[in-house]
PDB file of N, CA and C in Angstrom:
ATOM      1  N   UNK A   1       0.857  -1.166   0.010  1.00  0.00           N
ATOM      2  CA  UNK A   1       0.009   0.022  -0.013  1.00  0.00           C
ATOM      3  C   UNK A   1       0.837   1.254   0.032  1.00  0.00           C
ATOM      4  N   UNK A   2       0.557   2.205  -0.797  1.00  0.00           N
ATOM      5  CA  UNK A   2       1.315   3.472  -0.872  1.00  0.00           C
ATOM      6  C   UNK A   2       0.664   4.556  -0.043  1.00  0.00           C
ATOM      7  N   UNK A   3       1.477   5.406   0.518  1.00  0.00           N
ATOM      8  CA  UNK A   3       1.023   6.538   1.258  1.00  0.00           C
ATOM      9  C   UNK A   3       1.678   7.753   0.687  1.00  0.00           C
ATOM     10  N   UNK A   4       0.920   8.845   0.535  1.00  0.00           N
ATOM     11  CA  UNK A   4       1.423  10.063  -0.060  1.00  0.00           C
ATOM     12  C   UNK A   4       1.446  11.209   0.993  1.00  0.00           C
ATOM     13  N   UNK A   5       2.532  11.869   1.033  1.00  0.00           N
ATOM     14  CA  UNK A   5       2.659  13.077   1.932  1.00  0.00           C
ATOM     15  C   UNK A   5       2.909  14.279   1.065  1.00  0.00           C
ATOM     16  N   UNK A   6       2.044  15.259   1.103  1.00  0.00           N
ATOM     17  CA  UNK A   6       2.297  16.467   0.336  1.00  0.00           C
ATOM     18  C   UNK A   6       1.783  17.679   1.031  1.00  0.00           C
ATOM     19  N   UNK A   7       2.378  18.802   0.695  1.00  0.00           N
ATOM     20  CA  UNK A   7       1.990  20.112   1.233  1.00  0.00           C
ATOM     21  C   UNK A   7       0.864  20.733   0.349  1.00  0.00           C
ATOM     22  N   UNK A   8      -0.213  21.125   1.021  1.00  0.00           N
ATOM     23  CA  UNK A   8      -1.328  21.808   0.341  1.00  0.00           C
ATOM     24  C   UNK A   8      -1.265  23.294   0.697  1.00  0.00           C
ATOM     25  N   UNK A   9      -0.454  24.019   0.044  1.00  0.00           N
ATOM     26  CA  UNK A   9      -0.339  25.476   0.334  1.00  0.00           C
ATOM     27  C   UNK A   9       0.543  25.614   1.628  1.00  0.00           C
ATOM     28  N   UNK A  10       0.500  26.837   2.145  1.00  0.00           N
ATOM     29  CA  UNK A  10       1.389  27.191   3.235  1.00  0.00           C
ATOM     30  C   UNK A  10       0.892  26.693   4.596  1.00  0.00           C
ATOM     31  N   UNK A  11      -0.373  26.337   4.679  1.00  0.00           N
ATOM     32  CA  UNK A  11      -0.938  26.006   5.991  1.00  0.00           C
ATOM     33  C   UNK A  11      -1.456  24.544   6.198  1.00  0.00           C
ATOM     34  N   UNK A  12      -1.174  23.690   5.225  1.00  0.00           N
ATOM     35  CA  UNK A  12      -1.672  22.292   5.363  1.00  0.00           C
ATOM     36  C   UNK A  12      -0.738  21.307   4.808  1.00  0.00           C
ATOM     37  N   UNK A  13      -0.611  20.106   5.493  1.00  0.00           N
ATOM     38  CA  UNK A  13       0.109  18.980   5.032  1.00  0.00           C
ATOM     39  C   UNK A  13      -0.898  17.868   5.054  1.00  0.00           C
ATOM     40  N   UNK A  14      -1.013  17.138   3.925  1.00  0.00           N
ATOM     41  CA  UNK A  14      -1.983  16.065   3.777  1.00  0.00           C
ATOM     42  C   UNK A  14      -1.231  14.705   3.649  1.00  0.00           C
ATOM     43  N   UNK A  15      -1.702  13.758   4.354  1.00  0.00           N
ATOM     44  CA  UNK A  15      -1.224  12.384   4.282  1.00  0.00           C
ATOM     45  C   UNK A  15      -2.351  11.491   3.839  1.00  0.00           C
ATOM     46  N   UNK A  16      -2.197  10.770   2.711  1.00  0.00           N
ATOM     47  CA  UNK A  16      -3.272   9.957   2.142  1.00  0.00           C
ATOM     48  C   UNK A  16      -2.722   8.623   1.691  1.00  0.00           C
ATOM     49  N   UNK A  17      -3.543   7.575   1.924  1.00  0.00           N
ATOM     50  CA  UNK A  17      -3.095   6.262   1.433  1.00  0.00           C
ATOM     51  C   UNK A  17      -4.014   5.793   0.292  1.00  0.00           C
ATOM     52  N   UNK A  18      -3.647   4.612  -0.322  1.00  0.00           N
ATOM     53  CA  UNK A  18      -4.399   4.084  -1.450  1.00  0.00           C
ATOM     54  C   UNK A  18      -5.827   3.721  -1.067  1.00  0.00           C
ATOM     55  N   UNK A  19      -6.065   3.410   0.180  1.00  0.00           N
ATOM     56  CA  UNK A  19      -7.382   3.001   0.632  1.00  0.00           C
ATOM     57  C   UNK A  19      -8.284   4.207   0.811  1.00  0.00           C
ATOM     58  N   UNK A  20      -7.824   5.459   0.603  1.00  0.00           N
ATOM     59  CA  UNK A  20      -8.645   6.603   0.716  1.00  0.00           C
ATOM     60  C   UNK A  20      -8.646   7.239   2.117  1.00  0.00           C
ATOM     61  N   UNK A  21      -7.832   6.672   3.051  1.00  0.00           N
ATOM     62  CA  UNK A  21      -7.770   7.251   4.390  1.00  0.00           C
ATOM     63  C   UNK A  21      -6.865   8.482   4.326  1.00  0.00           C
ATOM     64  N   UNK A  22      -7.277   9.548   5.049  1.00  0.00           N
ATOM     65  CA  UNK A  22      -6.580  10.773   4.949  1.00  0.00           C
ATOM     66  C   UNK A  22      -6.425  11.436   6.317  1.00  0.00           C
ATOM     67  N   UNK A  23      -5.314  12.122   6.496  1.00  0.00           N
ATOM     68  CA  UNK A  23      -4.972  12.911   7.629  1.00  0.00           C
ATOM     69  C   UNK A  23      -4.573  14.312   7.140  1.00  0.00           C
ATOM     70  N   UNK A  24      -5.109  15.314   7.760  1.00  0.00           N
ATOM     71  CA  UNK A  24      -4.713  16.701   7.402  1.00  0.00           C
ATOM     72  C   UNK A  24      -4.130  17.352   8.616  1.00  0.00           C
ATOM     73  N   UNK A  25      -2.916  17.936   8.488  1.00  0.00           N
ATOM     74  CA  UNK A  25      -2.282  18.739   9.504  1.00  0.00           C
ATOM     75  C   UNK A  25      -2.367  20.194   9.086  1.00  0.00           C
ATOM     76  N   UNK A  26      -3.126  20.993   9.827  1.00  0.00           N
ATOM     77  CA  UNK A  26      -3.438  22.368   9.478  1.00  0.00           C
ATOM     78  C   UNK A  26      -2.821  23.333  10.503  1.00  0.00           C
ATOM     79  N   UNK A  27      -2.218  24.310   9.971  1.00  0.00           N
ATOM     80  CA  UNK A  27      -1.582  25.368  10.830  1.00  0.00           C
ATOM     81  C   UNK A  27      -2.490  26.538  11.048  1.00  0.00           C
ATOM     82  N   UNK A  28      -2.618  26.969  12.285  1.00  0.00           N
ATOM     83  CA  UNK A  28      -3.449  28.110  12.600  1.00  0.00           C
ATOM     84  C   UNK A  28      -2.900  28.720  13.913  1.00  0.00           C
ATOM     85  N   UNK A  29      -2.524  30.019  13.851  1.00  0.00           N
ATOM     86  CA  UNK A  29      -2.033  30.738  14.983  1.00  0.00           C
ATOM     87  C   UNK A  29      -0.808  30.049  15.669  1.00  0.00           C
ATOM     88  N   UNK A  30       0.156  29.610  14.817  1.00  0.00           N
ATOM     89  CA  UNK A  30       1.358  28.949  15.270  1.00  0.00           C
ATOM     90  C   UNK A  30       1.154  27.608  15.938  1.00  0.00           C
ATOM     91  N   UNK A  31      -0.012  27.008  15.782  1.00  0.00           N
ATOM     92  CA  UNK A  31      -0.302  25.646  16.308  1.00  0.00           C
ATOM     93  C   UNK A  31      -0.613  24.734  15.177  1.00  0.00           C
ATOM     94  N   UNK A  32      -0.385  23.467  15.339  1.00  0.00           N
ATOM     95  CA  UNK A  32      -0.662  22.441  14.323  1.00  0.00           C
ATOM     96  C   UNK A  32      -1.897  21.649  14.773  1.00  0.00           C
ATOM     97  N   UNK A  33      -2.943  21.635  13.966  1.00  0.00           N
ATOM     98  CA  UNK A  33      -4.150  20.858  14.326  1.00  0.00           C
ATOM     99  C   UNK A  33      -4.144  19.646  13.398  1.00  0.00           C
ATOM    100  N   UNK A  34      -4.546  18.478  14.007  1.00  0.00           N
ATOM    101  CA  UNK A  34      -4.564  17.215  13.262  1.00  0.00           C
ATOM    102  C   UNK A  34      -6.041  16.840  13.087  1.00  0.00           C
ATOM    103  N   UNK A  35      -6.375  16.606  11.880  1.00  0.00           N
ATOM    104  CA  UNK A  35      -7.786  16.334  11.481  1.00  0.00           C
ATOM    105  C   UNK A  35      -7.843  15.013  10.680  1.00  0.00           C
ATOM    106  N   UNK A  36      -8.713  14.081  11.085  1.00  0.00           N
ATOM    107  CA  UNK A  36      -8.883  12.838  10.322  1.00  0.00           C
ATOM    108  C   UNK A  36     -10.419  12.658  10.144  1.00  0.00           C
ATOM    109  N   UNK A  37     -10.700  11.990   9.077  1.00  0.00           N
ATOM    110  CA  UNK A  37     -12.093  11.594   8.816  1.00  0.00           C
ATOM    111  C   UNK A  37     -12.126  10.049   8.943  1.00  0.00           C
ATOM    112  N   UNK A  38     -12.463   9.550  10.119  1.00  0.00           N
ATOM    113  CA  UNK A  38     -12.379   8.046  10.371  1.00  0.00           C
ATOM    114  C   UNK A  38     -10.954   7.658  10.703  1.00  0.00           C
ATOM    115  N   UNK A  39     -10.646   6.509  10.257  1.00  0.00           N
ATOM    116  CA  UNK A  39      -9.264   5.969  10.512  1.00  0.00           C
ATOM    117  C   UNK A  39      -8.211   6.699   9.762  1.00  0.00           C
ATOM    118  N   UNK A  40      -7.075   6.982  10.358  1.00  0.00           N
ATOM    119  CA  UNK A  40      -5.985   7.668   9.637  1.00  0.00           C
ATOM    120  C   UNK A  40      -5.225   6.692   8.722  1.00  0.00           C
ATOM    121  N   UNK A  41      -4.435   7.233   7.849  1.00  0.00           N
ATOM    122  CA  UNK A  41      -3.648   6.353   6.958  1.00  0.00           C
ATOM    123  C   UNK A  41      -2.539   5.567   7.632  1.00  0.00           C
ATOM    124  N   UNK A  42      -2.142   4.494   7.013  1.00  0.00           N
ATOM    125  CA  UNK A  42      -1.029   3.736   7.486  1.00  0.00           C
ATOM    126  C   UNK A  42       0.232   4.311   6.940  1.00  0.00           C
ATOM    127  N   UNK A  43       1.259   4.432   7.706  1.00  0.00           N
ATOM    128  CA  UNK A  43       2.518   4.961   7.260  1.00  0.00           C
ATOM    129  C   UNK A  43       3.600   3.935   7.225  1.00  0.00           C
ATOM    130  N   UNK A  44       4.360   3.926   6.146  1.00  0.00           N
ATOM    131  CA  UNK A  44       5.579   3.082   6.055  1.00  0.00           C
ATOM    132  C   UNK A  44       6.700   3.878   6.697  1.00  0.00           C
ATOM    133  N   UNK A  45       7.825   3.285   7.015  1.00  0.00           N
ATOM    134  CA  UNK A  45       8.928   4.043   7.545  1.00  0.00           C
ATOM    135  C   UNK A  45       9.350   5.182   6.645  1.00  0.00           C
ATOM    136  N   UNK A  46       9.383   4.951   5.346  1.00  0.00           N
ATOM    137  CA  UNK A  46       9.804   6.032   4.406  1.00  0.00           C
ATOM    138  C   UNK A  46       8.761   7.176   4.419  1.00  0.00           C
ATOM    139  N   UNK A  47       7.496   6.839   4.505  1.00  0.00           N
ATOM    140  CA  UNK A  47       6.490   7.942   4.583  1.00  0.00           C
ATOM    141  C   UNK A  47       6.555   8.701   5.913  1.00  0.00           C
ATOM    142  N   UNK A  48       6.910   8.016   6.960  1.00  0.00           N
ATOM    143  CA  UNK A  48       7.126   8.659   8.282  1.00  0.00           C
ATOM    144  C   UNK A  48       8.228   9.630   8.172  1.00  0.00           C
ATOM    145  N   UNK A  49       9.316   9.302   7.489  1.00  0.00           N
ATOM    146  CA  UNK A  49      10.429  10.223   7.228  1.00  0.00           C
ATOM    147  C   UNK A  49       9.988  11.444   6.428  1.00  0.00           C
ATOM    148  N   UNK A  50       9.218  11.191   5.352  1.00  0.00           N
ATOM    149  CA  UNK A  50       8.682  12.259   4.518  1.00  0.00           C
ATOM    150  C   UNK A  50       7.828  13.230   5.377  1.00  0.00           C
ATOM    151  N   UNK A  51       6.947  12.685   6.189  1.00  0.00           N
ATOM    152  CA  UNK A  51       6.082  13.511   7.065  1.00  0.00           C
ATOM    153  C   UNK A  51       6.911  14.323   8.041  1.00  0.00           C
ATOM    154  N   UNK A  52       7.973  13.627   8.636  1.00  0.00           N
ATOM    155  CA  UNK A  52       8.836  14.341   9.522  1.00  0.00           C
ATOM    156  C   UNK A  52       9.545  15.477   8.822  1.00  0.00           C
ATOM    157  N   UNK A  53       9.966  15.307   7.601  1.00  0.00           N
ATOM    158  CA  UNK A  53      10.633  16.389   6.829  1.00  0.00           C
ATOM    159  C   UNK A  53       9.657  17.574   6.652  1.00  0.00           C
ATOM    160  N   UNK A  54       8.422  17.262   6.227  1.00  0.00           N
ATOM    161  CA  UNK A  54       7.426  18.296   6.076  1.00  0.00           C
ATOM    162  C   UNK A  54       7.135  19.073   7.391  1.00  0.00           C
ATOM    163  N   UNK A  55       7.044  18.327   8.486  1.00  0.00           N
ATOM    164  CA  UNK A  55       6.761  18.941   9.754  1.00  0.00           C
ATOM    165  C   UNK A  55       7.993  19.861  10.204  1.00  0.00           C
ATOM    166  N   UNK A  56       9.133  19.357   9.922  1.00  0.00           N
ATOM    167  CA  UNK A  56      10.329  20.152  10.214  1.00  0.00           C
ATOM    168  C   UNK A  56      10.319  21.511   9.418  1.00  0.00           C
ATOM    169  N   UNK A  57       9.997  21.407   8.155  1.00  0.00           N
ATOM    170  CA  UNK A  57       9.892  22.624   7.280  1.00  0.00           C
ATOM    171  C   UNK A  57       8.830  23.554   7.876  1.00  0.00           C
ATOM    172  N   UNK A  58       7.694  22.995   8.264  1.00  0.00           N
ATOM    173  CA  UNK A  58       6.590  23.810   8.771  1.00  0.00           C
ATOM    174  C   UNK A  58       7.101  24.532  10.045  1.00  0.00           C
ATOM    175  N   UNK A  59       7.761  23.812  10.921  1.00  0.00           N
ATOM    176  CA  UNK A  59       8.214  24.377  12.200  1.00  0.00           C
ATOM    177  C   UNK A  59       9.226  25.514  11.918  1.00  0.00           C
ATOM    178  N   UNK A  60      10.173  25.283  11.013  1.00  0.00           N
ATOM    179  CA  UNK A  60      11.146  26.321  10.693  1.00  0.00           C
ATOM    180  C   UNK A  60      10.410  27.562  10.137  1.00  0.00           C
ATOM    181  N   UNK A  61       9.440  27.363   9.264  1.00  0.00           N
ATOM    182  CA  UNK A  61       8.697  28.532   8.728  1.00  0.00           C
ATOM    183  C   UNK A  61       7.971  29.284   9.808  1.00  0.00           C
ATOM    184  N   UNK A  62       7.329  28.580  10.799  1.00  0.00           N
ATOM    185  CA  UNK A  62       6.667  29.267  11.853  1.00  0.00           C
ATOM    186  C   UNK A  62       7.648  30.016  12.724  1.00  0.00           C
ATOM    187  N   UNK A  63       8.833  29.505  13.002  1.00  0.00           N
ATOM    188  CA  UNK A  63       9.794  30.249  13.805  1.00  0.00           C
ATOM    189  C   UNK A  63      10.287  31.466  13.038  1.00  0.00           C
ATOM    190  N   UNK A  64      10.434  31.401  11.720  1.00  0.00           N
ATOM    191  CA  UNK A  64      10.855  32.529  10.959  1.00  0.00           C
ATOM    192  C   UNK A  64       9.785  33.633  10.948  1.00  0.00           C
ATOM    193  N   UNK A  65       8.548  33.239  10.808  1.00  0.00           N
ATOM    194  CA  UNK A  65       7.439  34.225  10.808  1.00  0.00           C
ATOM    195  C   UNK A  65       7.363  34.889  12.198  1.00  0.00           C
ATOM    196  N   UNK A  66       7.517  34.119  13.264  1.00  0.00           N
ATOM    197  CA  UNK A  66       7.419  34.699  14.607  1.00  0.00           C
ATOM    198  C   UNK A  66       8.595  35.649  14.825  1.00  0.00           C
ATOM    199  N   UNK A  67       9.765  35.289  14.340  1.00  0.00           N
ATOM    200  CA  UNK A  67      10.914  36.161  14.553  1.00  0.00           C
ATOM    201  C   UNK A  67      10.772  37.465  13.807  1.00  0.00           C
ATOM    202  N   UNK A  68      10.158  37.446  12.651  1.00  0.00           N
ATOM    203  CA  UNK A  68       9.927  38.723  11.882  1.00  0.00           C
ATOM    204  C   UNK A  68       8.914  39.646  12.600  1.00  0.00           C
ATOM    205  N   UNK A  69       7.946  39.025  13.283  1.00  0.00           N
ATOM    206  CA  UNK A  69       6.961  39.864  13.956  1.00  0.00           C
ATOM    207  C   UNK A  69       7.416  40.414  15.298  1.00  0.00           C
ATOM    208  N   UNK A  70       8.545  39.926  15.770  1.00  0.00           N
ATOM    209  CA  UNK A  70       9.132  40.385  17.036  1.00  0.00           C
ATOM    210  C   UNK A  70      10.408  41.267  16.809  1.00  0.00           C
ATOM    211  N   UNK A  71      10.384  42.123  15.787  1.00  0.00           N
ATOM    212  CA  UNK A  71      11.516  42.944  15.539  1.00  0.00           C
ATOM    213  C   UNK A  71      11.589  44.048  16.558  1.00  0.00           C
ATOM    214  N   UNK A  72      12.784  44.547  16.795  1.00  0.00           N
ATOM    215  CA  UNK A  72      13.081  45.594  17.742  1.00  0.00           C
ATOM    216  C   UNK A  72      12.364  46.865  17.289  1.00  0.00           C
ATOM    217  N   UNK A  73      11.892  47.624  18.299  1.00  0.00           N
ATOM    218  CA  UNK A  73      11.189  48.902  17.903  1.00  0.00           C
ATOM    219  C   UNK A  73      12.195  49.870  17.215  1.00  0.00           C
ATOM    220  N   UNK A  74      11.679  50.664  16.329  1.00  0.00           N
ATOM    221  CA  UNK A  74      12.513  51.622  15.618  1.00  0.00           C
ATOM    222  C   UNK A  74      12.815  52.817  16.577  1.00  0.00           C
ATOM    223  N   UNK A  75      14.035  53.295  16.405  1.00  0.00           N
ATOM    224  CA  UNK A  75      14.465  54.500  17.222  1.00  0.00           C
ATOM    225  C   UNK A  75      14.165  55.758  16.409  1.00  0.00           C
ATOM    226  N   UNK A  76      13.744  56.811  17.164  1.00  0.00           N
ATOM    227  CA  UNK A  76      13.536  58.075  16.450  1.00  0.00           C
ATOM    228  C   UNK A  76      14.589  59.004  16.947  1.00  0.00           C
ATOM    229  N   UNK A  77      14.975  59.954  16.108  1.00  0.00           N
ATOM    230  CA  UNK A  77      15.974  60.902  16.416  1.00  0.00           C
ATOM    231  C   UNK A  77      15.417  62.246  16.591  1.00  0.00           C
TER     232      UNK A  77
END
């Protein structure tokens, strides 16, 4: 059985297997929400690595966005 891990835009990662089972990981307000409709997909070790890579990229992007919003105040002369 094959499992597919792919990014659906900037705020969602979808995991889907050949049997039609799906898991959606959705980002909102710097938190990751996990949504399934029924049973989640089965992951092979390779697909678990792919999902871990996507989650790592998501986390890095969230840290970058948060760092940009916490810039030092501008000084006036």
